[in-house]
Amino acid sequence: MKNERHAQKLKELNQINEKIYKLEERLLNDEIENSTYQTWFKSYSMRNV
């Protein structure tokens, strides 16, 4: 049961990291404004895994 919880948390963390990576790509490609990046980055970073 503990391993299952650990695996679930690891999966969630990987999903958040992927979202942050895509967000950074969009910023670097000038697809979003800096303010939008900051808003979403803060949102993703605040999620408790």
PDB file of N, CA and C in Angstrom:
ATOM      1  N   MET A   1       0.823  -1.188   0.000  1.00  0.00           N
ATOM      2  CA  MET A   1       0.000   0.000   0.000  1.00  0.00           C
ATOM      3  C   MET A   1       0.869   1.253   0.000  1.00  0.00           C
ATOM      4  N   LYS A   2       1.940   1.235   0.766  1.00  0.00           N
ATOM      5  CA  LYS A   2       2.834   2.387   0.794  1.00  0.00           C
ATOM      6  C   LYS A   2       3.510   2.582  -0.562  1.00  0.00           C
ATOM      7  N   ASN A   3       3.898   1.488  -1.206  1.00  0.00           N
ATOM      8  CA  ASN A   3       4.520   1.564  -2.525  1.00  0.00           C
ATOM      9  C   ASN A   3       3.552   2.108  -3.563  1.00  0.00           C
ATOM     10  N   GLU A   4       2.276   1.741  -3.447  1.00  0.00           N
ATOM     11  CA  GLU A   4       1.259   2.251  -4.371  1.00  0.00           C
ATOM     12  C   GLU A   4       1.106   3.754  -4.226  1.00  0.00           C
ATOM     13  N   ARG A   5       1.091   4.229  -2.987  1.00  0.00           N
ATOM     14  CA  ARG A   5       0.997   5.670  -2.728  1.00  0.00           C
ATOM     15  C   ARG A   5       2.210   6.386  -3.277  1.00  0.00           C
ATOM     16  N   HIS A   6       3.363   5.806  -3.064  1.00  0.00           N
ATOM     17  CA  HIS A   6       4.609   6.386  -3.562  1.00  0.00           C
ATOM     18  C   HIS A   6       4.592   6.456  -5.084  1.00  0.00           C
ATOM     19  N   ALA A   7       4.141   5.398  -5.727  1.00  0.00           N
ATOM     20  CA  ALA A   7       4.076   5.366  -7.182  1.00  0.00           C
ATOM     21  C   ALA A   7       3.096   6.410  -7.703  1.00  0.00           C
ATOM     22  N   GLN A   8       1.972   6.579  -7.020  1.00  0.00           N
ATOM     23  CA  GLN A   8       0.978   7.574  -7.434  1.00  0.00           C
ATOM     24  C   GLN A   8       1.548   8.988  -7.303  1.00  0.00           C
ATOM     25  N   LYS A   9       2.219   9.259  -6.203  1.00  0.00           N
ATOM     26  CA  LYS A   9       2.825  10.583  -5.997  1.00  0.00           C
ATOM     27  C   LYS A   9       3.904  10.858  -7.036  1.00  0.00           C
ATOM     28  N   LEU A  10       4.681   9.858  -7.365  1.00  0.00           N
ATOM     29  CA  LEU A  10       5.720   9.996  -8.378  1.00  0.00           C
ATOM     30  C   LEU A  10       5.104  10.290  -9.746  1.00  0.00           C
ATOM     31  N   LYS A  11       4.013   9.612 -10.051  1.00  0.00           N
ATOM     32  CA  LYS A  11       3.307   9.843 -11.315  1.00  0.00           C
ATOM     33  C   LYS A  11       2.783  11.284 -11.368  1.00  0.00           C
ATOM     34  N   GLU A  12       2.196  11.758 -10.283  1.00  0.00           N
ATOM     35  CA  GLU A  12       1.678  13.128 -10.231  1.00  0.00           C
ATOM     36  C   GLU A  12       2.807  14.148 -10.387  1.00  0.00           C
ATOM     37  N   LEU A  13       3.916  13.895  -9.745  1.00  0.00           N
ATOM     38  CA  LEU A  13       5.063  14.785  -9.847  1.00  0.00           C
ATOM     39  C   LEU A  13       5.575  14.856 -11.282  1.00  0.00           C
ATOM     40  N   ASN A  14       5.650  13.721 -11.942  1.00  0.00           N
ATOM     41  CA  ASN A  14       6.090  13.687 -13.338  1.00  0.00           C
ATOM     42  C   ASN A  14       5.129  14.450 -14.241  1.00  0.00           C
ATOM     43  N   GLN A  15       3.840  14.352 -13.971  1.00  0.00           N
ATOM     44  CA  GLN A  15       2.849  15.087 -14.753  1.00  0.00           C
ATOM     45  C   GLN A  15       3.011  16.593 -14.573  1.00  0.00           C
ATOM     46  N   ILE A  16       3.255  17.029 -13.367  1.00  0.00           N
ATOM     47  CA  ILE A  16       3.458  18.455 -13.098  1.00  0.00           C
ATOM     48  C   ILE A  16       4.740  18.937 -13.771  1.00  0.00           C
ATOM     49  N   ASN A  17       5.793  18.149 -13.690  1.00  0.00           N
ATOM     50  CA  ASN A  17       7.051  18.520 -14.344  1.00  0.00           C
ATOM     51  C   ASN A  17       6.873  18.648 -15.851  1.00  0.00           C
ATOM     52  N   GLU A  18       6.092  17.758 -16.436  1.00  0.00           N
ATOM     53  CA  GLU A  18       5.818  17.817 -17.874  1.00  0.00           C
ATOM     54  C   GLU A  18       5.046  19.089 -18.231  1.00  0.00           C
ATOM     55  N   LYS A  19       4.099  19.457 -17.399  1.00  0.00           N
ATOM     56  CA  LYS A  19       3.334  20.685 -17.639  1.00  0.00           C
ATOM     57  C   LYS A  19       4.238  21.906 -17.567  1.00  0.00           C
ATOM     58  N   ILE A  20       5.135  21.925 -16.592  1.00  0.00           N
ATOM     59  CA  ILE A  20       6.062  23.050 -16.457  1.00  0.00           C
ATOM     60  C   ILE A  20       6.995  23.103 -17.662  1.00  0.00           C
ATOM     61  N   TYR A  21       7.465  21.967 -18.108  1.00  0.00           N
ATOM     62  CA  TYR A  21       8.343  21.915 -19.280  1.00  0.00           C
ATOM     63  C   TYR A  21       7.636  22.486 -20.509  1.00  0.00           C
ATOM     64  N   LYS A  22       6.400  22.072 -20.740  1.00  0.00           N
ATOM     65  CA  LYS A  22       5.633  22.577 -21.886  1.00  0.00           C
ATOM     66  C   LYS A  22       5.369  24.071 -21.753  1.00  0.00           C
ATOM     67  N   LEU A  23       5.112  24.516 -20.546  1.00  0.00           N
ATOM     68  CA  LEU A  23       4.896  25.938 -20.296  1.00  0.00           C
ATOM     69  C   LEU A  23       6.147  26.738 -20.639  1.00  0.00           C
ATOM     70  N   GLU A  24       7.306  26.241 -20.235  1.00  0.00           N
ATOM     71  CA  GLU A  24       8.563  26.917 -20.550  1.00  0.00           C
ATOM     72  C   GLU A  24       8.821  26.951 -22.052  1.00  0.00           C
ATOM     73  N   GLU A  25       8.492  25.860 -22.730  1.00  0.00           N
ATOM     74  CA  GLU A  25       8.644  25.830 -24.188  1.00  0.00           C
ATOM     75  C   GLU A  25       7.778  26.895 -24.852  1.00  0.00           C
ATOM     76  N   ARG A  26       6.554  27.013 -24.388  1.00  0.00           N
ATOM     77  CA  ARG A  26       5.639  28.007 -24.972  1.00  0.00           C
ATOM     78  C   ARG A  26       6.157  29.427 -24.738  1.00  0.00           C
ATOM     79  N   LEU A  27       6.750  29.666 -23.582  1.00  0.00           N
ATOM     80  CA  LEU A  27       7.314  30.984 -23.296  1.00  0.00           C
ATOM     81  C   LEU A  27       8.490  31.270 -24.220  1.00  0.00           C
ATOM     82  N   LEU A  28       9.376  30.305 -24.374  1.00  0.00           N
ATOM     83  CA  LEU A  28      10.552  30.487 -25.217  1.00  0.00           C
ATOM     84  C   LEU A  28      10.194  30.651 -26.687  1.00  0.00           C
ATOM     85  N   ASN A  29       9.075  30.067 -27.097  1.00  0.00           N
ATOM     86  CA  ASN A  29       8.625  30.182 -28.489  1.00  0.00           C
ATOM     87  C   ASN A  29       7.714  31.393 -28.704  1.00  0.00           C
ATOM     88  N   ASP A  30       7.637  32.255 -27.713  1.00  0.00           N
ATOM     89  CA  ASP A  30       6.809  33.463 -27.769  1.00  0.00           C
ATOM     90  C   ASP A  30       5.338  33.158 -28.045  1.00  0.00           C
ATOM     91  N   GLU A  31       4.861  32.052 -27.519  1.00  0.00           N
ATOM     92  CA  GLU A  31       3.452  31.699 -27.672  1.00  0.00           C
ATOM     93  C   GLU A  31       2.619  32.264 -26.533  1.00  0.00           C
ATOM     94  N   ILE A  32       3.270  32.586 -25.415  1.00  0.00           N
ATOM     95  CA  ILE A  32       2.571  33.168 -24.269  1.00  0.00           C
ATOM     96  C   ILE A  32       3.387  34.326 -23.724  1.00  0.00           C
ATOM     97  N   GLU A  33       2.715  35.197 -22.988  1.00  0.00           N
ATOM     98  CA  GLU A  33       3.378  36.340 -22.352  1.00  0.00           C
ATOM     99  C   GLU A  33       4.042  35.900 -21.051  1.00  0.00           C
ATOM    100  N   ASN A  34       4.968  36.702 -20.603  1.00  0.00           N
ATOM    101  CA  ASN A  34       5.673  36.417 -19.353  1.00  0.00           C
ATOM    102  C   ASN A  34       4.701  36.348 -18.179  1.00  0.00           C
ATOM    103  N   SER A  35       3.737  37.239 -18.148  1.00  0.00           N
ATOM    104  CA  SER A  35       2.770  37.242 -17.037  1.00  0.00           C
ATOM    105  C   SER A  35       1.963  35.946 -17.004  1.00  0.00           C
ATOM    106  N   THR A  36       1.611  35.429 -18.176  1.00  0.00           N
ATOM    107  CA  THR A  36       0.885  34.163 -18.259  1.00  0.00           C
ATOM    108  C   THR A  36       1.765  33.030 -17.740  1.00  0.00           C
ATOM    109  N   TYR A  37       3.018  33.049 -18.149  1.00  0.00           N
ATOM    110  CA  TYR A  37       3.967  32.034 -17.665  1.00  0.00           C
ATOM    111  C   TYR A  37       4.051  32.064 -16.143  1.00  0.00           C
ATOM    112  N   GLN A  38       4.210  33.236 -15.587  1.00  0.00           N
ATOM    113  CA  GLN A  38       4.368  33.358 -14.140  1.00  0.00           C
ATOM    114  C   GLN A  38       3.129  32.860 -13.401  1.00  0.00           C
ATOM    115  N   THR A  39       1.965  33.183 -13.928  1.00  0.00           N
ATOM    116  CA  THR A  39       0.717  32.742 -13.301  1.00  0.00           C
ATOM    117  C   THR A  39       0.628  31.223 -13.270  1.00  0.00           C
ATOM    118  N   TRP A  40       0.851  30.591 -14.418  1.00  0.00           N
ATOM    119  CA  TRP A  40       0.731  29.141 -14.497  1.00  0.00           C
ATOM    120  C   TRP A  40       1.867  28.433 -13.770  1.00  0.00           C
ATOM    121  N   PHE A  41       3.067  28.988 -13.841  1.00  0.00           N
ATOM    122  CA  PHE A  41       4.184  28.365 -13.129  1.00  0.00           C
ATOM    123  C   PHE A  41       3.905  28.342 -11.633  1.00  0.00           C
ATOM    124  N   LYS A  42       3.413  29.448 -11.126  1.00  0.00           N
ATOM    125  CA  LYS A  42       3.072  29.523  -9.705  1.00  0.00           C
ATOM    126  C   LYS A  42       1.994  28.498  -9.371  1.00  0.00           C
ATOM    127  N   SER A  43       1.005  28.384 -10.232  1.00  0.00           N
ATOM    128  CA  SER A  43      -0.079  27.427 -10.008  1.00  0.00           C
ATOM    129  C   SER A  43       0.450  26.003  -9.973  1.00  0.00           C
ATOM    130  N   TYR A  44       1.277  25.641 -10.937  1.00  0.00           N
ATOM    131  CA  TYR A  44       1.823  24.287 -10.982  1.00  0.00           C
ATOM    132  C   TYR A  44       2.766  24.033  -9.805  1.00  0.00           C
ATOM    133  N   SER A  45       3.542  25.025  -9.436  1.00  0.00           N
ATOM    134  CA  SER A  45       4.511  24.844  -8.360  1.00  0.00           C
ATOM    135  C   SER A  45       3.845  24.698  -6.992  1.00  0.00           C
ATOM    136  N   MET A  46       2.674  25.257  -6.838  1.00  0.00           N
ATOM    137  CA  MET A  46       1.979  25.229  -5.545  1.00  0.00           C
ATOM    138  C   MET A  46       1.242  23.923  -5.298  1.00  0.00           C
ATOM    139  N   ARG A  47       1.096  23.117  -6.323  1.00  0.00           N
ATOM    140  CA  ARG A  47       0.347  21.867  -6.157  1.00  0.00           C
ATOM    141  C   ARG A  47       1.105  20.935  -5.226  1.00  0.00           C
ATOM    142  N   ASN A  48       0.387  20.435  -4.261  1.00  0.00           N
ATOM    143  CA  ASN A  48       0.985  19.493  -3.308  1.00  0.00           C
ATOM    144  C   ASN A  48       0.929  18.093  -3.879  1.00  0.00           C
ATOM    145  N   VAL A  49       2.077  17.500  -3.979  1.00  0.00           N
ATOM    146  CA  VAL A  49       2.130  16.120  -4.482  1.00  0.00           C
ATOM    147  C   VAL A  49       2.374  15.182  -3.338  1.00  0.00           C
TER     148      VAL A  49
END
